[in-house]
Amino acid sequence: MTNENENKQPAKLIIDDTTYETTYTEKYQQRKQYEPENPKHIKAFIPGVVRSINVRLGQHISEGDMLLILEAMKMENRLLAPVSGTIKEILVEKEQMVPKHHLLIVLE
């Protein structure tokens, strides 16, 4: 019987100026790295169907303008612009099904 920690390299962890030596699990080492939210990347907050797209490429939009309608669980969710900008990319089409966190629109 082998110990699963035998092949792992120890890692140094510093907490309150004290250094500890530990090993990380494989799941931890393969985790997706944290990325801060980009307000210019409009993503689906829930899986759904794009029912309408209310903007076009190159259009200038103001904070609060409606970008598109995403239908999910028989409800129409209006996605509003979090910041002012210009539509750089529209990455979906009307009636397209999208998963959660799918990139829909990019602003510049």
PDB file of N, CA and C in Angstrom:
ATOM      1  N   MET A   1       0.844  -1.169   0.000  1.00  0.00           N
ATOM      2  CA  MET A   1       0.000   0.000   0.000  1.00  0.00           C
ATOM      3  C   MET A   1       0.897   1.242   0.000  1.00  0.00           C
ATOM      4  N   THR A   2       0.653   2.164  -0.976  1.00  0.00           N
ATOM      5  CA  THR A   2       1.491   3.349  -1.077  1.00  0.00           C
ATOM      6  C   THR A   2       0.752   4.564  -0.548  1.00  0.00           C
ATOM      7  N   ASN A   3       1.503   5.443  -0.005  1.00  0.00           N
ATOM      8  CA  ASN A   3       0.955   6.700   0.487  1.00  0.00           C
ATOM      9  C   ASN A   3       0.835   7.657  -0.691  1.00  0.00           C
ATOM     10  N   GLU A   4      -0.351   8.266  -0.899  1.00  0.00           N
ATOM     11  CA  GLU A   4      -0.548   9.120  -2.065  1.00  0.00           C
ATOM     12  C   GLU A   4       0.271  10.401  -1.990  1.00  0.00           C
ATOM     13  N   ASN A   5       0.777  10.764  -0.830  1.00  0.00           N
ATOM     14  CA  ASN A   5       1.597  11.959  -0.689  1.00  0.00           C
ATOM     15  C   ASN A   5       3.071  11.713  -0.999  1.00  0.00           C
ATOM     16  N   GLU A   6       3.457  10.443  -1.242  1.00  0.00           N
ATOM     17  CA  GLU A   6       4.863  10.122  -1.486  1.00  0.00           C
ATOM     18  C   GLU A   6       5.424  10.836  -2.711  1.00  0.00           C
ATOM     19  N   ASN A   7       4.645  10.962  -3.784  1.00  0.00           N
ATOM     20  CA  ASN A   7       5.131  11.534  -5.038  1.00  0.00           C
ATOM     21  C   ASN A   7       4.913  13.040  -5.140  1.00  0.00           C
ATOM     22  N   LYS A   8       4.326  13.657  -4.142  1.00  0.00           N
ATOM     23  CA  LYS A   8       4.044  15.078  -4.200  1.00  0.00           C
ATOM     24  C   LYS A   8       5.203  15.869  -3.625  1.00  0.00           C
ATOM     25  N   GLN A   9       5.469  16.992  -4.280  1.00  0.00           N
ATOM     26  CA  GLN A   9       6.517  17.884  -3.805  1.00  0.00           C
ATOM     27  C   GLN A   9       5.938  18.774  -2.708  1.00  0.00           C
ATOM     28  N   PRO A  10       6.668  18.980  -1.634  1.00  0.00           N
ATOM     29  CA  PRO A  10       6.155  19.859  -0.585  1.00  0.00           C
ATOM     30  C   PRO A  10       6.083  21.308  -1.078  1.00  0.00           C
ATOM     31  N   ALA A  11       5.112  22.020  -0.573  1.00  0.00           N
ATOM     32  CA  ALA A  11       4.939  23.427  -0.931  1.00  0.00           C
ATOM     33  C   ALA A  11       5.082  24.253   0.333  1.00  0.00           C
ATOM     34  N   LYS A  12       5.548  25.478   0.169  1.00  0.00           N
ATOM     35  CA  LYS A  12       5.683  26.368   1.320  1.00  0.00           C
ATOM     36  C   LYS A  12       4.467  27.278   1.369  1.00  0.00           C
ATOM     37  N   LEU A  13       3.924  27.384   2.552  1.00  0.00           N
ATOM     38  CA  LEU A  13       2.740  28.192   2.798  1.00  0.00           C
ATOM     39  C   LEU A  13       3.098  29.164   3.908  1.00  0.00           C
ATOM     40  N   ILE A  14       2.929  30.466   3.647  1.00  0.00           N
ATOM     41  CA  ILE A  14       3.295  31.478   4.640  1.00  0.00           C
ATOM     42  C   ILE A  14       2.018  32.101   5.200  1.00  0.00           C
ATOM     43  N   ILE A  15       1.847  31.984   6.511  1.00  0.00           N
ATOM     44  CA  ILE A  15       0.701  32.559   7.208  1.00  0.00           C
ATOM     45  C   ILE A  15       1.226  33.361   8.385  1.00  0.00           C
ATOM     46  N   ASP A  16       0.877  34.642   8.411  1.00  0.00           N
ATOM     47  CA  ASP A  16       1.319  35.529   9.507  1.00  0.00           C
ATOM     48  C   ASP A  16       2.820  35.423   9.771  1.00  0.00           C
ATOM     49  N   ASP A  17       3.609  35.514   8.726  1.00  0.00           N
ATOM     50  CA  ASP A  17       5.074  35.496   8.811  1.00  0.00           C
ATOM     51  C   ASP A  17       5.654  34.173   9.296  1.00  0.00           C
ATOM     52  N   THR A  18       4.858  33.124   9.350  1.00  0.00           N
ATOM     53  CA  THR A  18       5.344  31.800   9.714  1.00  0.00           C
ATOM     54  C   THR A  18       5.266  30.910   8.481  1.00  0.00           C
ATOM     55  N   THR A  19       6.348  30.213   8.171  1.00  0.00           N
ATOM     56  CA  THR A  19       6.393  29.344   7.002  1.00  0.00           C
ATOM     57  C   THR A  19       6.070  27.916   7.404  1.00  0.00           C
ATOM     58  N   TYR A  20       5.132  27.325   6.664  1.00  0.00           N
ATOM     59  CA  TYR A  20       4.736  25.938   6.888  1.00  0.00           C
ATOM     60  C   TYR A  20       5.041  25.156   5.621  1.00  0.00           C
ATOM     61  N   GLU A  21       5.336  23.882   5.786  1.00  0.00           N
ATOM     62  CA  GLU A  21       5.571  23.015   4.650  1.00  0.00           C
ATOM     63  C   GLU A  21       4.399  22.041   4.564  1.00  0.00           C
ATOM     64  N   THR A  22       3.818  21.933   3.390  1.00  0.00           N
ATOM     65  CA  THR A  22       2.626  21.102   3.214  1.00  0.00           C
ATOM     66  C   THR A  22       2.620  20.503   1.813  1.00  0.00           C
ATOM     67  N   THR A  23       1.663  19.652   1.538  1.00  0.00           N
ATOM     68  CA  THR A  23       1.447  19.161   0.180  1.00  0.00           C
ATOM     69  C   THR A  23       0.021  19.492  -0.199  1.00  0.00           C
ATOM     70  N   TYR A  24      -0.182  19.822  -1.464  1.00  0.00           N
ATOM     71  CA  TYR A  24      -1.505  20.151  -1.966  1.00  0.00           C
ATOM     72  C   TYR A  24      -2.112  18.931  -2.636  1.00  0.00           C
ATOM     73  N   THR A  25      -3.430  18.815  -2.586  1.00  0.00           N
ATOM     74  CA  THR A  25      -4.104  17.717  -3.267  1.00  0.00           C
ATOM     75  C   THR A  25      -4.051  17.946  -4.770  1.00  0.00           C
ATOM     76  N   GLU A  26      -4.216  16.891  -5.519  1.00  0.00           N
ATOM     77  CA  GLU A  26      -4.218  16.997  -6.982  1.00  0.00           C
ATOM     78  C   GLU A  26      -5.360  17.896  -7.449  1.00  0.00           C
ATOM     79  N   LYS A  27      -6.512  17.775  -6.812  1.00  0.00           N
ATOM     80  CA  LYS A  27      -7.659  18.607  -7.163  1.00  0.00           C
ATOM     81  C   LYS A  27      -7.317  20.084  -6.968  1.00  0.00           C
ATOM     82  N   TYR A  28      -6.653  20.416  -5.880  1.00  0.00           N
ATOM     83  CA  TYR A  28      -6.269  21.798  -5.614  1.00  0.00           C
ATOM     84  C   TYR A  28      -5.279  22.299  -6.664  1.00  0.00           C
ATOM     85  N   GLN A  29      -4.326  21.471  -7.025  1.00  0.00           N
ATOM     86  CA  GLN A  29      -3.316  21.884  -7.997  1.00  0.00           C
ATOM     87  C   GLN A  29      -3.910  22.090  -9.390  1.00  0.00           C
ATOM     88  N   GLN A  30      -5.001  21.408  -9.717  1.00  0.00           N
ATOM     89  CA  GLN A  30      -5.597  21.515 -11.041  1.00  0.00           C
ATOM     90  C   GLN A  30      -6.785  22.482 -11.078  1.00  0.00           C
ATOM     91  N   ARG A  31      -7.000  23.229 -10.000  1.00  0.00           N
ATOM     92  CA  ARG A  31      -8.133  24.140  -9.935  1.00  0.00           C
ATOM     93  C   ARG A  31      -7.971  25.271 -10.949  1.00  0.00           C
ATOM     94  N   LYS A  32      -9.101  25.889 -11.312  1.00  0.00           N
ATOM     95  CA  LYS A  32      -9.078  27.038 -12.204  1.00  0.00           C
ATOM     96  C   LYS A  32      -8.604  28.244 -11.402  1.00  0.00           C
ATOM     97  N   GLN A  33      -7.635  28.949 -11.918  1.00  0.00           N
ATOM     98  CA  GLN A  33      -7.100  30.110 -11.233  1.00  0.00           C
ATOM     99  C   GLN A  33      -8.136  31.233 -11.186  1.00  0.00           C
ATOM    100  N   TYR A  34      -8.118  32.008 -10.129  1.00  0.00           N
ATOM    101  CA  TYR A  34      -9.042  33.123  -9.949  1.00  0.00           C
ATOM    102  C   TYR A  34      -8.766  34.214 -10.978  1.00  0.00           C
ATOM    103  N   GLU A  35      -9.834  34.726 -11.569  1.00  0.00           N
ATOM    104  CA  GLU A  35      -9.735  35.862 -12.476  1.00  0.00           C
ATOM    105  C   GLU A  35     -10.723  36.917 -11.993  1.00  0.00           C
ATOM    106  N   PRO A  36     -10.270  38.140 -11.794  1.00  0.00           N
ATOM    107  CA  PRO A  36     -11.211  39.177 -11.375  1.00  0.00           C
ATOM    108  C   PRO A  36     -12.228  39.441 -12.485  1.00  0.00           C
ATOM    109  N   GLU A  37     -13.447  39.824 -12.103  1.00  0.00           N
ATOM    110  CA  GLU A  37     -14.489  40.110 -13.082  1.00  0.00           C
ATOM    111  C   GLU A  37     -14.101  41.313 -13.932  1.00  0.00           C
ATOM    112  N   ASN A  38     -14.357  41.214 -15.222  1.00  0.00           N
ATOM    113  CA  ASN A  38     -14.123  42.314 -16.147  1.00  0.00           C
ATOM    114  C   ASN A  38     -15.479  42.910 -16.491  1.00  0.00           C
ATOM    115  N   PRO A  39     -15.764  44.167 -16.091  1.00  0.00           N
ATOM    116  CA  PRO A  39     -17.084  44.739 -16.348  1.00  0.00           C
ATOM    117  C   PRO A  39     -17.379  44.931 -17.834  1.00  0.00           C
ATOM    118  N   LYS A  40     -16.366  44.817 -18.676  1.00  0.00           N
ATOM    119  CA  LYS A  40     -16.581  44.971 -20.120  1.00  0.00           C
ATOM    120  C   LYS A  40     -16.875  43.643 -20.810  1.00  0.00           C
ATOM    121  N   HIS A  41     -16.871  42.553 -20.055  1.00  0.00           N
ATOM    122  CA  HIS A  41     -17.254  41.237 -20.575  1.00  0.00           C
ATOM    123  C   HIS A  41     -18.614  40.889 -19.985  1.00  0.00           C
ATOM    124  N   ILE A  42     -19.637  40.873 -20.827  1.00  0.00           N
ATOM    125  CA  ILE A  42     -20.988  40.577 -20.381  1.00  0.00           C
ATOM    126  C   ILE A  42     -21.198  39.076 -20.528  1.00  0.00           C
ATOM    127  N   LYS A  43     -21.447  38.404 -19.392  1.00  0.00           N
ATOM    128  CA  LYS A  43     -21.589  36.947 -19.394  1.00  0.00           C
ATOM    129  C   LYS A  43     -22.979  36.558 -18.916  1.00  0.00           C
ATOM    130  N   ALA A  44     -23.415  35.361 -19.308  1.00  0.00           N
ATOM    131  CA  ALA A  44     -24.693  34.830 -18.854  1.00  0.00           C
ATOM    132  C   ALA A  44     -24.560  34.453 -17.384  1.00  0.00           C
ATOM    133  N   PHE A  45     -25.460  34.950 -16.556  1.00  0.00           N
ATOM    134  CA  PHE A  45     -25.412  34.633 -15.127  1.00  0.00           C
ATOM    135  C   PHE A  45     -26.206  33.371 -14.816  1.00  0.00           C
ATOM    136  N   ILE A  46     -26.913  32.848 -15.827  1.00  0.00           N
ATOM    137  CA  ILE A  46     -27.733  31.659 -15.682  1.00  0.00           C
ATOM    138  C   ILE A  46     -27.833  31.009 -17.063  1.00  0.00           C
ATOM    139  N   PRO A  47     -27.964  29.692 -17.178  1.00  0.00           N
ATOM    140  CA  PRO A  47     -28.155  29.094 -18.498  1.00  0.00           C
ATOM    141  C   PRO A  47     -29.495  29.539 -19.072  1.00  0.00           C
ATOM    142  N   GLY A  48     -29.559  29.748 -20.372  1.00  0.00           N
ATOM    143  CA  GLY A  48     -30.816  30.184 -20.966  1.00  0.00           C
ATOM    144  C   GLY A  48     -30.736  30.310 -22.466  1.00  0.00           C
ATOM    145  N   VAL A  49     -31.762  30.961 -23.026  1.00  0.00           N
ATOM    146  CA  VAL A  49     -31.871  31.173 -24.472  1.00  0.00           C
ATOM    147  C   VAL A  49     -31.885  32.675 -24.730  1.00  0.00           C
ATOM    148  N   VAL A  50     -31.061  33.126 -25.674  1.00  0.00           N
ATOM    149  CA  VAL A  50     -31.031  34.539 -26.051  1.00  0.00           C
ATOM    150  C   VAL A  50     -32.281  34.815 -26.870  1.00  0.00           C
ATOM    151  N   ARG A  51     -33.193  35.622 -26.337  1.00  0.00           N
ATOM    152  CA  ARG A  51     -34.455  35.917 -27.028  1.00  0.00           C
ATOM    153  C   ARG A  51     -34.360  37.145 -27.917  1.00  0.00           C
ATOM    154  N   SER A  52     -33.591  38.143 -27.521  1.00  0.00           N
ATOM    155  CA  SER A  52     -33.398  39.297 -28.396  1.00  0.00           C
ATOM    156  C   SER A  52     -32.068  39.957 -28.076  1.00  0.00           C
ATOM    157  N   ILE A  53     -31.490  40.568 -29.095  1.00  0.00           N
ATOM    158  CA  ILE A  53     -30.244  41.323 -28.955  1.00  0.00           C
ATOM    159  C   ILE A  53     -30.589  42.760 -29.329  1.00  0.00           C
ATOM    160  N   ASN A  54     -30.412  43.667 -28.406  1.00  0.00           N
ATOM    161  CA  ASN A  54     -30.871  45.039 -28.592  1.00  0.00           C
ATOM    162  C   ASN A  54     -29.757  46.010 -28.959  1.00  0.00           C
ATOM    163  N   VAL A  55     -28.589  45.510 -29.317  1.00  0.00           N
ATOM    164  CA  VAL A  55     -27.457  46.364 -29.693  1.00  0.00           C
ATOM    165  C   VAL A  55     -26.833  45.835 -30.978  1.00  0.00           C
ATOM    166  N   ARG A  56     -25.987  46.651 -31.584  1.00  0.00           N
ATOM    167  CA  ARG A  56     -25.270  46.233 -32.801  1.00  0.00           C
ATOM    168  C   ARG A  56     -23.790  46.611 -32.657  1.00  0.00           C
ATOM    169  N   LEU A  57     -22.950  45.990 -33.451  1.00  0.00           N
ATOM    170  CA  LEU A  57     -21.508  46.268 -33.405  1.00  0.00           C
ATOM    171  C   LEU A  57     -21.239  47.748 -33.619  1.00  0.00           C
ATOM    172  N   GLY A  58     -20.325  48.289 -32.849  1.00  0.00           N
ATOM    173  CA  GLY A  58     -19.930  49.685 -32.984  1.00  0.00           C
ATOM    174  C   GLY A  58     -20.866  50.677 -32.322  1.00  0.00           C
ATOM    175  N   GLN A  59     -21.979  50.213 -31.779  1.00  0.00           N
ATOM    176  CA  GLN A  59     -22.944  51.106 -31.138  1.00  0.00           C
ATOM    177  C   GLN A  59     -22.407  51.580 -29.799  1.00  0.00           C
ATOM    178  N   HIS A  60     -22.551  52.884 -29.528  1.00  0.00           N
ATOM    179  CA  HIS A  60     -22.166  53.417 -28.214  1.00  0.00           C
ATOM    180  C   HIS A  60     -23.343  53.210 -27.267  1.00  0.00           C
ATOM    181  N   ILE A  61     -23.047  52.686 -26.093  1.00  0.00           N
ATOM    182  CA  ILE A  61     -24.087  52.447 -25.097  1.00  0.00           C
ATOM    183  C   ILE A  61     -23.709  53.143 -23.796  1.00  0.00           C
ATOM    184  N   SER A  62     -24.717  53.445 -23.008  1.00  0.00           N
ATOM    185  CA  SER A  62     -24.513  54.075 -21.700  1.00  0.00           C
ATOM    186  C   SER A  62     -24.794  53.063 -20.607  1.00  0.00           C
ATOM    187  N   GLU A  63     -24.250  53.300 -19.436  1.00  0.00           N
ATOM    188  CA  GLU A  63     -24.512  52.430 -18.288  1.00  0.00           C
ATOM    189  C   GLU A  63     -26.020  52.330 -18.064  1.00  0.00           C
ATOM    190  N   GLY A  64     -26.515  51.108 -17.937  1.00  0.00           N
ATOM    191  CA  GLY A  64     -27.942  50.883 -17.711  1.00  0.00           C
ATOM    192  C   GLY A  64     -28.742  50.581 -18.964  1.00  0.00           C
ATOM    193  N   ASP A  65     -28.158  50.756 -20.152  1.00  0.00           N
ATOM    194  CA  ASP A  65     -28.861  50.426 -21.395  1.00  0.00           C
ATOM    195  C   ASP A  65     -29.083  48.918 -21.482  1.00  0.00           C
ATOM    196  N   MET A  66     -30.225  48.498 -22.052  1.00  0.00           N
ATOM    197  CA  MET A  66     -30.506  47.068 -22.195  1.00  0.00           C
ATOM    198  C   MET A  66     -29.720  46.513 -23.374  1.00  0.00           C
ATOM    199  N   LEU A  67     -28.966  45.450 -23.120  1.00  0.00           N
ATOM    200  CA  LEU A  67     -28.144  44.827 -24.153  1.00  0.00           C
ATOM    201  C   LEU A  67     -28.875  43.680 -24.838  1.00  0.00           C
ATOM    202  N   LEU A  68     -29.442  42.792 -24.028  1.00  0.00           N
ATOM    203  CA  LEU A  68     -30.165  41.646 -24.596  1.00  0.00           C
ATOM    204  C   LEU A  68     -31.110  41.069 -23.567  1.00  0.00           C
ATOM    205  N   ILE A  69     -31.971  40.170 -24.033  1.00  0.00           N
ATOM    206  CA  ILE A  69     -32.893  39.464 -23.144  1.00  0.00           C
ATOM    207  C   ILE A  69     -32.510  37.989 -23.157  1.00  0.00           C
ATOM    208  N   LEU A  70     -32.310  37.443 -21.973  1.00  0.00           N
ATOM    209  CA  LEU A  70     -31.954  36.043 -21.793  1.00  0.00           C
ATOM    210  C   LEU A  70     -33.113  35.361 -21.071  1.00  0.00           C
ATOM    211  N   GLU A  71     -33.745  34.408 -21.742  1.00  0.00           N
ATOM    212  CA  GLU A  71     -34.852  33.687 -21.126  1.00  0.00           C
ATOM    213  C   GLU A  71     -34.322  32.468 -20.395  1.00  0.00           C
ATOM    214  N   ALA A  72     -34.738  32.351 -19.132  1.00  0.00           N
ATOM    215  CA  ALA A  72     -34.316  31.214 -18.314  1.00  0.00           C
ATOM    216  C   ALA A  72     -35.452  30.880 -17.356  1.00  0.00           C
ATOM    217  N   MET A  73     -35.793  29.628 -17.274  1.00  0.00           N
ATOM    218  CA  MET A  73     -36.851  29.150 -16.393  1.00  0.00           C
ATOM    219  C   MET A  73     -38.154  29.934 -16.613  1.00  0.00           C
ATOM    220  N   LYS A  74     -38.513  30.153 -17.883  1.00  0.00           N
ATOM    221  CA  LYS A  74     -39.742  30.845 -18.304  1.00  0.00           C
ATOM    222  C   LYS A  74     -39.798  32.299 -17.857  1.00  0.00           C
ATOM    223  N   MET A  75     -38.636  32.883 -17.555  1.00  0.00           N
ATOM    224  CA  MET A  75     -38.573  34.296 -17.188  1.00  0.00           C
ATOM    225  C   MET A  75     -37.622  35.011 -18.136  1.00  0.00           C
ATOM    226  N   GLU A  76     -38.003  36.227 -18.525  1.00  0.00           N
ATOM    227  CA  GLU A  76     -37.129  37.029 -19.372  1.00  0.00           C
ATOM    228  C   GLU A  76     -36.259  37.918 -18.492  1.00  0.00           C
ATOM    229  N   ASN A  77     -34.963  37.740 -18.613  1.00  0.00           N
ATOM    230  CA  ASN A  77     -33.998  38.510 -17.829  1.00  0.00           C
ATOM    231  C   ASN A  77     -33.348  39.539 -18.737  1.00  0.00           C
ATOM    232  N   ARG A  78     -33.480  40.793 -18.380  1.00  0.00           N
ATOM    233  CA  ARG A  78     -32.894  41.877 -19.169  1.00  0.00           C
ATOM    234  C   ARG A  78     -31.467  42.121 -18.683  1.00  0.00           C
ATOM    235  N   LEU A  79     -30.511  41.965 -19.568  1.00  0.00           N
ATOM    236  CA  LEU A  79     -29.118  42.218 -19.212  1.00  0.00           C
ATOM    237  C   LEU A  79     -28.794  43.656 -19.567  1.00  0.00           C
ATOM    238  N   LEU A  80     -28.416  44.422 -18.551  1.00  0.00           N
ATOM    239  CA  LEU A  80     -28.128  45.842 -18.706  1.00  0.00           C
ATOM    240  C   LEU A  80     -26.629  46.087 -18.702  1.00  0.00           C
ATOM    241  N   ALA A  81     -26.220  47.148 -19.378  1.00  0.00           N
ATOM    242  CA  ALA A  81     -24.797  47.499 -19.448  1.00  0.00           C
ATOM    243  C   ALA A  81     -24.309  47.961 -18.079  1.00  0.00           C
ATOM    244  N   PRO A  82     -23.261  47.331 -17.541  1.00  0.00           N
ATOM    245  CA  PRO A  82     -22.731  47.751 -16.242  1.00  0.00           C
ATOM    246  C   PRO A  82     -21.897  49.031 -16.329  1.00  0.00           C
ATOM    247  N   VAL A  83     -21.382  49.335 -17.538  1.00  0.00           N
ATOM    248  CA  VAL A  83     -20.567  50.530 -17.769  1.00  0.00           C
ATOM    249  C   VAL A  83     -20.886  51.073 -19.162  1.00  0.00           C
ATOM    250  N   SER A  84     -20.528  52.307 -19.398  1.00  0.00           N
ATOM    251  CA  SER A  84     -20.678  52.895 -20.732  1.00  0.00           C
ATOM    252  C   SER A  84     -19.546  52.405 -21.620  1.00  0.00           C
ATOM    253  N   GLY A  85     -19.793  52.365 -22.911  1.00  0.00           N
ATOM    254  CA  GLY A  85     -18.756  51.922 -23.838  1.00  0.00           C
ATOM    255  C   GLY A  85     -19.300  51.721 -25.237  1.00  0.00           C
ATOM    256  N   THR A  86     -18.531  51.029 -26.047  1.00  0.00           N
ATOM    257  CA  THR A  86     -18.897  50.725 -27.423  1.00  0.00           C
ATOM    258  C   THR A  86     -18.915  49.216 -27.588  1.00  0.00           C
ATOM    259  N   ILE A  87     -19.881  48.705 -28.336  1.00  0.00           N
ATOM    260  CA  ILE A  87     -19.988  47.262 -28.558  1.00  0.00           C
ATOM    261  C   ILE A  87     -18.850  46.826 -29.475  1.00  0.00           C
ATOM    262  N   LYS A  88     -17.946  46.012 -28.946  1.00  0.00           N
ATOM    263  CA  LYS A  88     -16.790  45.516 -29.704  1.00  0.00           C
ATOM    264  C   LYS A  88     -17.117  44.188 -30.378  1.00  0.00           C
ATOM    265  N   GLU A  89     -17.768  43.282 -29.634  1.00  0.00           N
ATOM    266  CA  GLU A  89     -18.115  41.961 -30.176  1.00  0.00           C
ATOM    267  C   GLU A  89     -19.463  41.519 -29.624  1.00  0.00           C
ATOM    268  N   ILE A  90     -20.233  40.849 -30.479  1.00  0.00           N
ATOM    269  CA  ILE A  90     -21.451  40.163 -30.059  1.00  0.00           C
ATOM    270  C   ILE A  90     -21.205  38.696 -30.380  1.00  0.00           C
ATOM    271  N   LEU A  91     -21.122  37.870 -29.347  1.00  0.00           N
ATOM    272  CA  LEU A  91     -20.683  36.485 -29.515  1.00  0.00           C
ATOM    273  C   LEU A  91     -21.823  35.473 -29.505  1.00  0.00           C
ATOM    274  N   VAL A  92     -23.061  35.945 -29.570  1.00  0.00           N
ATOM    275  CA  VAL A  92     -24.224  35.062 -29.585  1.00  0.00           C
ATOM    276  C   VAL A  92     -25.183  35.503 -30.685  1.00  0.00           C
ATOM    277  N   GLU A  93     -26.138  34.630 -30.972  1.00  0.00           N
ATOM    278  CA  GLU A  93     -27.181  34.939 -31.952  1.00  0.00           C
ATOM    279  C   GLU A  93     -28.533  34.755 -31.286  1.00  0.00           C
ATOM    280  N   LYS A  94     -29.541  35.366 -31.869  1.00  0.00           N
ATOM    281  CA  LYS A  94     -30.906  35.235 -31.352  1.00  0.00           C
ATOM    282  C   LYS A  94     -31.303  33.763 -31.367  1.00  0.00           C
ATOM    283  N   GLU A  95     -31.976  33.308 -30.316  1.00  0.00           N
ATOM    284  CA  GLU A  95     -32.462  31.939 -30.109  1.00  0.00           C
ATOM    285  C   GLU A  95     -31.353  30.932 -29.770  1.00  0.00           C
ATOM    286  N   GLN A  96     -30.149  31.403 -29.538  1.00  0.00           N
ATOM    287  CA  GLN A  96     -29.044  30.514 -29.165  1.00  0.00           C
ATOM    288  C   GLN A  96     -29.149  30.154 -27.689  1.00  0.00           C
ATOM    289  N   MET A  97     -28.952  28.865 -27.380  1.00  0.00           N
ATOM    290  CA  MET A  97     -28.889  28.425 -25.982  1.00  0.00           C
ATOM    291  C   MET A  97     -27.463  28.648 -25.486  1.00  0.00           C
ATOM    292  N   VAL A  98     -27.345  29.183 -24.267  1.00  0.00           N
ATOM    293  CA  VAL A  98     -26.025  29.458 -23.704  1.00  0.00           C
ATOM    294  C   VAL A  98     -25.925  28.879 -22.293  1.00  0.00           C
ATOM    295  N   PRO A  99     -24.748  28.381 -21.911  1.00  0.00           N
ATOM    296  CA  PRO A  99     -24.547  27.895 -20.539  1.00  0.00           C
ATOM    297  C   PRO A  99     -24.219  29.061 -19.610  1.00  0.00           C
ATOM    298  N   LYS A 100     -24.233  28.792 -18.327  1.00  0.00           N
ATOM    299  CA  LYS A 100     -23.852  29.787 -17.328  1.00  0.00           C
ATOM    300  C   LYS A 100     -22.408  30.220 -17.575  1.00  0.00           C
ATOM    301  N   HIS A 101     -22.122  31.498 -17.389  1.00  0.00           N
ATOM    302  CA  HIS A 101     -20.799  32.129 -17.554  1.00  0.00           C
ATOM    303  C   HIS A 101     -20.356  32.243 -19.007  1.00  0.00           C
ATOM    304  N   HIS A 102     -21.249  31.975 -19.966  1.00  0.00           N
ATOM    305  CA  HIS A 102     -20.895  32.096 -21.386  1.00  0.00           C
ATOM    306  C   HIS A 102     -20.723  33.570 -21.725  1.00  0.00           C
ATOM    307  N   LEU A 103     -19.640  33.923 -22.435  1.00  0.00           N
ATOM    308  CA  LEU A 103     -19.380  35.299 -22.829  1.00  0.00           C
ATOM    309  C   LEU A 103     -20.348  35.689 -23.932  1.00  0.00           C
ATOM    310  N   LEU A 104     -21.138  36.737 -23.703  1.00  0.00           N
ATOM    311  CA  LEU A 104     -22.175  37.154 -24.646  1.00  0.00           C
ATOM    312  C   LEU A 104     -21.743  38.356 -25.476  1.00  0.00           C
ATOM    313  N   ILE A 105     -21.291  39.401 -24.797  1.00  0.00           N
ATOM    314  CA  ILE A 105     -20.945  40.673 -25.451  1.00  0.00           C
ATOM    315  C   ILE A 105     -19.656  41.217 -24.844  1.00  0.00           C
ATOM    316  N   VAL A 106     -18.826  41.830 -25.692  1.00  0.00           N
ATOM    317  CA  VAL A 106     -17.599  42.475 -25.228  1.00  0.00           C
ATOM    318  C   VAL A 106     -17.703  43.963 -25.543  1.00  0.00           C
ATOM    319  N   LEU A 107     -17.409  44.791 -24.553  1.00  0.00           N
ATOM    320  CA  LEU A 107     -17.393  46.253 -24.724  1.00  0.00           C
ATOM    321  C   LEU A 107     -15.958  46.728 -24.817  1.00  0.00           C
ATOM    322  N   GLU A 108     -15.782  47.904 -25.431  1.00  0.00           N
ATOM    323  CA  GLU A 108     -14.441  48.504 -25.405  1.00  0.00           C
ATOM    324  C   GLU A 108     -14.505  49.857 -24.758  1.00  0.00           C
TER     325      GLU A 108
END
